[in-house]
Amino acid sequence: MQNTNFLKTSSLFGKGASLLMMLSSLSLASAEGTKKTALETYVIDGGPTMFLILVVILCLVALVVFNLMNISKNKFCPTRLKNELLDHMANCRVRSAIEVAASHPSYLGRMMAYALPNIDATQPEDLGRSKVEDAIADFSVNENRKNMVWINYISLVAQSAPMVGLFGTVLGMVGAFATLATAGQADPSQLAGNISTALLTTLWGLVTAIPALVFYFFFKNRLNKYVAECHTTSEELINASLQTIHQDAYMAKIPEGLA
């Protein structure tokens, strides 16, 4: 009889242990099922403000791609056009140089098509250089303003992204204090969601603003570099014609041997 009771008790303990194991496995499975993904943890939990930050990020990407395509050497000072203009100006074929420049859509081509008609052959000493330089300056002021518009938009993104992140931070803190006022006590589990929203929007605002600031100065310096190269090329073109006209005078200044 005792053996029978012992066997029954043992079987009950066995069934209880198996039931506990099943419950523990179910709880682990449910915990794994509710585990958040990286997208939910770092993006979706940021709340509605993340949609605004996403729009700002898309604008930044579009502006970077556009400026990469727009501010390039081929669109400002292509080597082939530069060599062709130098050949015409070195042989004093100013009309041919104007035609070549006018047919090319680059910055250098449009600039020289605008400036070279100011060359004055009745002033052989400098070919009316001052008028040509004034025309180049006028052209550069107008064109640089157009190019800087799209670069300044990147600066706008760099300034607005932290503000959007701060807006989300304020919303998150307002929600946290509202939860605290409703609960009547500081329960970390209730405040965690609102504080997470506040920190995530700040994080993504900075993640967007820092690269935008870098790209702003990158494209600004790139634009200044190509514009300066075009101005240097224009000086070379004028000097090439002047050197051809005053070739004898230039040669007289350079001695060849000793008398």
Protein backbone atom coordinates (compact mmCIF):
# COMPACT_ATOMS: atom_id res chain seq x y z
CA MET A 1 0.00 0.00 0.00
CA GLN A 2 2.77 2.37 0.90
CA ASN A 3 4.51 1.57 -2.36
CA THR A 4 1.33 2.35 -4.26
CA ASN A 5 0.98 5.75 -2.55
CA PHE A 6 4.62 6.47 -3.16
CA LEU A 7 4.23 5.71 -6.86
CA LYS A 8 1.15 7.96 -7.09
CA THR A 9 2.95 10.80 -5.32
CA SER A 10 5.96 10.43 -7.58
CA SER A 11 3.77 10.53 -10.69
CA LEU A 12 2.05 13.71 -9.43
CA PHE A 13 5.41 15.38 -8.84
CA GLY A 14 6.51 14.33 -12.29
CA LYS A 15 3.41 15.77 -13.92
CA GLY A 16 3.84 19.02 -11.94
CA ALA A 17 7.46 19.34 -12.99
CA SER A 18 6.56 18.78 -16.64
CA LEU A 19 3.79 21.39 -16.36
CA LEU A 20 6.24 23.94 -14.90
CA MET A 21 8.68 23.23 -17.72
CA MET A 22 5.92 23.79 -20.28
CA LEU A 23 4.90 27.08 -18.68
CA SER A 24 8.49 28.29 -18.54
CA SER A 25 9.02 27.41 -22.20
CA LEU A 26 5.83 29.28 -23.13
CA SER A 27 6.92 32.34 -21.18
CA LEU A 28 10.32 32.31 -22.91
CA ALA A 29 8.64 31.97 -26.30
CA SER A 30 6.32 34.86 -25.56
CA ALA A 31 9.27 36.96 -24.36
CA GLU A 32 11.13 36.22 -27.58
CA GLY A 33 8.02 37.04 -29.58
CA THR A 34 7.66 40.45 -27.94
CA LYS A 35 11.31 41.38 -28.37
CA LYS A 36 11.57 44.62 -30.35
CA THR A 37 13.51 44.93 -33.58
CA ALA A 38 16.11 47.61 -34.21
CA LEU A 39 13.64 49.49 -36.41
CA GLU A 40 11.10 49.62 -33.61
CA THR A 41 13.68 50.46 -30.94
CA TYR A 42 15.47 53.28 -32.76
CA VAL A 43 12.88 54.65 -35.20
CA ILE A 44 9.24 53.75 -34.55
CA ASP A 45 9.49 54.37 -30.81
CA GLY A 46 10.44 57.95 -31.62
CA GLY A 47 6.79 58.78 -32.21
CA PRO A 48 5.14 60.98 -34.87
CA THR A 49 8.05 63.42 -34.88
CA MET A 50 10.15 60.79 -36.64
CA PHE A 51 8.08 61.36 -39.79
CA LEU A 52 9.20 65.00 -39.82
CA ILE A 53 12.81 63.98 -39.32
CA LEU A 54 12.44 61.43 -42.14
CA VAL A 55 11.27 64.22 -44.46
CA VAL A 56 14.30 66.31 -43.46
CA ILE A 57 16.64 63.35 -44.14
CA LEU A 58 15.11 62.79 -47.58
CA CYS A 59 15.56 66.48 -48.39
CA LEU A 60 19.21 66.26 -47.34
CA VAL A 61 19.85 63.23 -49.54
CA ALA A 62 18.19 64.92 -52.54
CA LEU A 63 20.22 68.12 -52.05
CA VAL A 64 23.49 66.22 -51.72
CA VAL A 65 22.86 64.24 -54.91
CA PHE A 66 21.83 67.38 -56.81
CA ASN A 67 24.90 69.35 -55.73
CA LEU A 68 27.21 66.46 -56.55
CA MET A 69 25.85 66.49 -60.08
CA ASN A 70 25.67 70.27 -60.41
CA ILE A 71 29.02 71.30 -58.93
CA SER A 72 31.50 69.28 -60.95
CA LYS A 73 34.58 70.11 -63.02
CA ASN A 74 32.86 69.28 -66.31
CA LYS A 75 30.11 71.80 -65.58
CA PHE A 76 32.51 74.54 -64.53
CA CYS A 77 35.93 74.36 -66.16
CA PRO A 78 36.26 71.39 -68.54
CA THR A 79 39.83 70.78 -69.69
CA ARG A 80 38.91 70.31 -73.35
CA LEU A 81 37.13 73.66 -73.57
CA LYS A 82 39.97 75.39 -71.75
CA ASN A 83 42.58 74.08 -74.22
CA GLU A 84 40.42 74.99 -77.22
CA LEU A 85 39.91 78.55 -75.98
CA LEU A 86 43.61 78.94 -75.24
CA ASP A 87 44.42 77.88 -78.80
CA HIS A 88 42.06 80.49 -80.29
CA MET A 89 43.17 83.29 -77.98
CA ALA A 90 46.87 82.54 -78.47
CA ASN A 91 46.29 83.07 -82.21
CA CYS A 92 44.11 86.16 -81.55
CA ARG A 93 41.02 84.48 -82.98
CA VAL A 94 38.69 86.17 -80.54
CA ARG A 95 35.53 85.70 -82.62
CA SER A 96 36.19 81.98 -82.90
CA ALA A 97 36.78 81.82 -79.15
CA ILE A 98 33.43 83.56 -78.52
CA GLU A 99 31.61 81.08 -80.80
CA VAL A 100 33.20 78.10 -79.07
CA ALA A 101 32.42 79.50 -75.62
CA ALA A 102 28.82 80.31 -76.55
CA SER A 103 28.23 76.76 -77.77
CA HIS A 104 29.33 75.23 -74.46
CA PRO A 105 26.91 75.19 -71.47
CA SER A 106 29.62 75.13 -68.80
CA TYR A 107 30.36 77.95 -66.38
CA LEU A 108 33.59 78.85 -68.20
CA GLY A 109 31.92 78.77 -71.59
CA ARG A 110 29.06 81.07 -70.57
CA MET A 111 31.41 83.37 -68.70
CA MET A 112 33.78 83.85 -71.64
CA ALA A 113 30.88 84.21 -74.10
CA TYR A 114 29.68 87.06 -71.86
CA ALA A 115 33.10 88.68 -71.29
CA LEU A 116 35.11 88.25 -74.50
CA PRO A 117 32.91 90.58 -76.63
CA ASN A 118 34.29 93.39 -74.44
CA ILE A 119 37.77 92.94 -75.90
CA ASP A 120 38.76 96.13 -77.76
CA ALA A 121 41.28 95.69 -80.58
CA THR A 122 41.71 99.50 -80.75
CA GLN A 123 43.55 99.26 -77.43
CA PRO A 124 46.46 96.98 -78.29
CA GLU A 125 48.27 97.77 -75.06
CA ASP A 126 45.73 95.81 -72.92
CA LEU A 127 42.82 94.93 -75.29
CA GLY A 128 40.35 96.63 -72.97
CA ARG A 129 41.21 94.26 -70.14
CA SER A 130 39.41 96.27 -67.47
CA LYS A 131 36.06 95.95 -69.28
CA VAL A 132 36.56 92.21 -69.69
CA GLU A 133 37.33 91.80 -65.99
CA ASP A 134 34.26 93.85 -65.04
CA ALA A 135 32.08 91.61 -67.21
CA ILE A 136 33.59 88.51 -65.58
CA ALA A 137 32.87 89.93 -62.12
CA ASP A 138 29.25 90.71 -63.04
CA PHE A 139 28.74 87.23 -64.46
CA SER A 140 30.26 85.57 -61.38
CA VAL A 141 28.07 87.52 -58.96
CA ASN A 142 24.88 86.43 -60.72
CA GLU A 143 25.89 82.80 -61.30
CA ASN A 144 27.35 82.22 -57.85
CA ARG A 145 24.13 83.44 -56.28
CA LYS A 146 22.17 80.81 -58.21
CA ASN A 147 24.52 78.00 -57.22
CA MET A 148 24.65 79.06 -53.58
CA VAL A 149 20.87 78.82 -53.29
CA TRP A 150 21.00 75.01 -53.36
CA ILE A 151 24.01 74.90 -51.06
CA ASN A 152 22.27 77.18 -48.57
CA TYR A 153 19.35 74.76 -48.47
CA ILE A 154 21.77 72.21 -46.97
CA SER A 155 22.62 74.78 -44.31
CA LEU A 156 18.89 75.15 -43.68
CA VAL A 157 18.62 71.39 -43.14
CA ALA A 158 21.57 71.51 -40.72
CA GLN A 159 19.82 74.20 -38.69
CA SER A 160 16.29 72.80 -38.79
CA ALA A 161 17.06 69.15 -37.99
CA PRO A 162 18.06 69.80 -34.34
CA MET A 163 14.98 71.99 -33.96
CA VAL A 164 12.74 69.18 -35.16
CA GLY A 165 14.51 66.83 -32.76
CA LEU A 166 14.02 69.33 -29.94
CA PHE A 167 10.33 69.51 -30.83
CA GLY A 168 10.06 65.75 -30.38
CA THR A 169 12.00 66.00 -27.14
CA VAL A 170 9.56 68.55 -25.77
CA LEU A 171 6.62 66.34 -26.77
CA GLY A 172 8.21 63.38 -25.04
CA MET A 173 8.83 65.31 -21.83
CA VAL A 174 5.28 66.70 -21.87
CA GLY A 175 4.00 63.13 -22.14
CA ALA A 176 6.29 62.04 -19.31
CA PHE A 177 5.01 64.75 -16.96
CA ALA A 178 1.42 63.99 -17.97
CA THR A 179 1.98 60.34 -17.10
CA LEU A 180 3.56 61.35 -13.79
CA ALA A 181 0.62 63.61 -12.97
CA THR A 182 -1.89 60.87 -13.80
CA ALA A 183 -0.12 58.09 -11.90
CA GLY A 184 0.69 60.27 -8.92
CA GLN A 185 4.11 58.70 -8.45
CA ALA A 186 7.37 58.27 -10.36
CA ASP A 187 7.03 54.80 -11.88
CA PRO A 188 10.04 54.21 -14.18
CA SER A 189 8.14 51.70 -16.30
CA GLN A 190 5.47 54.30 -17.10
CA LEU A 191 7.92 57.10 -17.82
CA ALA A 192 10.32 55.01 -19.91
CA GLY A 193 8.30 55.27 -23.13
CA ASN A 194 8.00 59.05 -23.04
CA ILE A 195 11.66 59.56 -22.15
CA SER A 196 12.69 57.15 -24.93
CA THR A 197 10.69 59.22 -27.42
CA ALA A 198 12.39 62.41 -26.22
CA LEU A 199 15.89 60.96 -26.53
CA LEU A 200 15.32 59.29 -29.91
CA THR A 201 14.14 62.47 -31.61
CA THR A 202 17.13 64.36 -30.22
CA LEU A 203 19.43 61.60 -31.45
CA TRP A 204 18.07 61.61 -35.01
CA GLY A 205 18.05 65.39 -35.13
CA LEU A 206 21.79 65.43 -34.41
CA VAL A 207 22.45 62.49 -36.74
CA THR A 208 20.86 64.52 -39.55
CA ALA A 209 22.39 67.90 -38.68
CA ILE A 210 26.04 66.87 -38.37
CA PRO A 211 26.42 65.39 -41.90
CA ALA A 212 24.39 68.31 -43.31
CA LEU A 213 26.87 70.77 -41.80
CA VAL A 214 29.79 68.83 -43.27
CA PHE A 215 28.19 68.72 -46.72
CA TYR A 216 27.42 72.45 -46.60
CA PHE A 217 31.06 73.46 -46.19
CA PHE A 218 32.19 70.75 -48.61
CA PHE A 219 30.03 72.05 -51.47
CA LYS A 220 30.71 75.69 -50.61
CA ASN A 221 34.47 75.17 -50.82
CA ARG A 222 34.06 73.09 -53.96
CA LEU A 223 32.10 75.86 -55.65
CA ASN A 224 34.71 78.47 -54.68
CA LYS A 225 37.47 76.22 -56.01
CA TYR A 226 35.89 75.77 -59.45
CA VAL A 227 34.95 79.46 -59.75
CA ALA A 228 38.53 80.45 -58.91
CA GLU A 229 39.80 78.01 -61.53
CA CYS A 230 37.53 79.61 -64.14
CA HIS A 231 38.80 83.09 -63.22
CA THR A 232 42.40 81.92 -63.48
CA THR A 233 41.64 80.46 -66.91
CA SER A 234 40.14 83.77 -68.07
CA GLU A 235 43.37 85.53 -67.04
CA GLU A 236 45.37 82.99 -69.02
CA LEU A 237 43.22 83.57 -72.11
CA ILE A 238 43.71 87.33 -72.06
CA ASN A 239 47.41 86.99 -71.34
CA ALA A 240 47.77 84.56 -74.26
CA SER A 241 46.42 87.15 -76.71
CA LEU A 242 48.49 89.97 -75.22
CA GLN A 243 51.63 87.89 -75.38
CA THR A 244 51.00 87.14 -79.07
CA ILE A 245 50.40 90.82 -79.90
CA HIS A 246 53.45 92.01 -77.98
CA GLN A 247 55.62 89.02 -78.79
CA ASP A 248 58.53 91.14 -80.01
CA ALA A 249 58.45 93.23 -76.86
CA TYR A 250 58.35 90.12 -74.71
CA MET A 251 61.27 88.60 -76.59
CA ALA A 252 63.27 91.82 -76.28
CA LYS A 253 63.04 91.56 -72.52
CA ILE A 254 64.46 88.04 -72.51
CA PRO A 255 68.21 87.98 -73.38
CA GLU A 256 69.68 85.22 -75.51
CA GLY A 257 73.40 84.86 -74.87
CA LEU A 258 75.84 87.70 -74.27
CA ALA A 259 76.73 90.48 -76.66
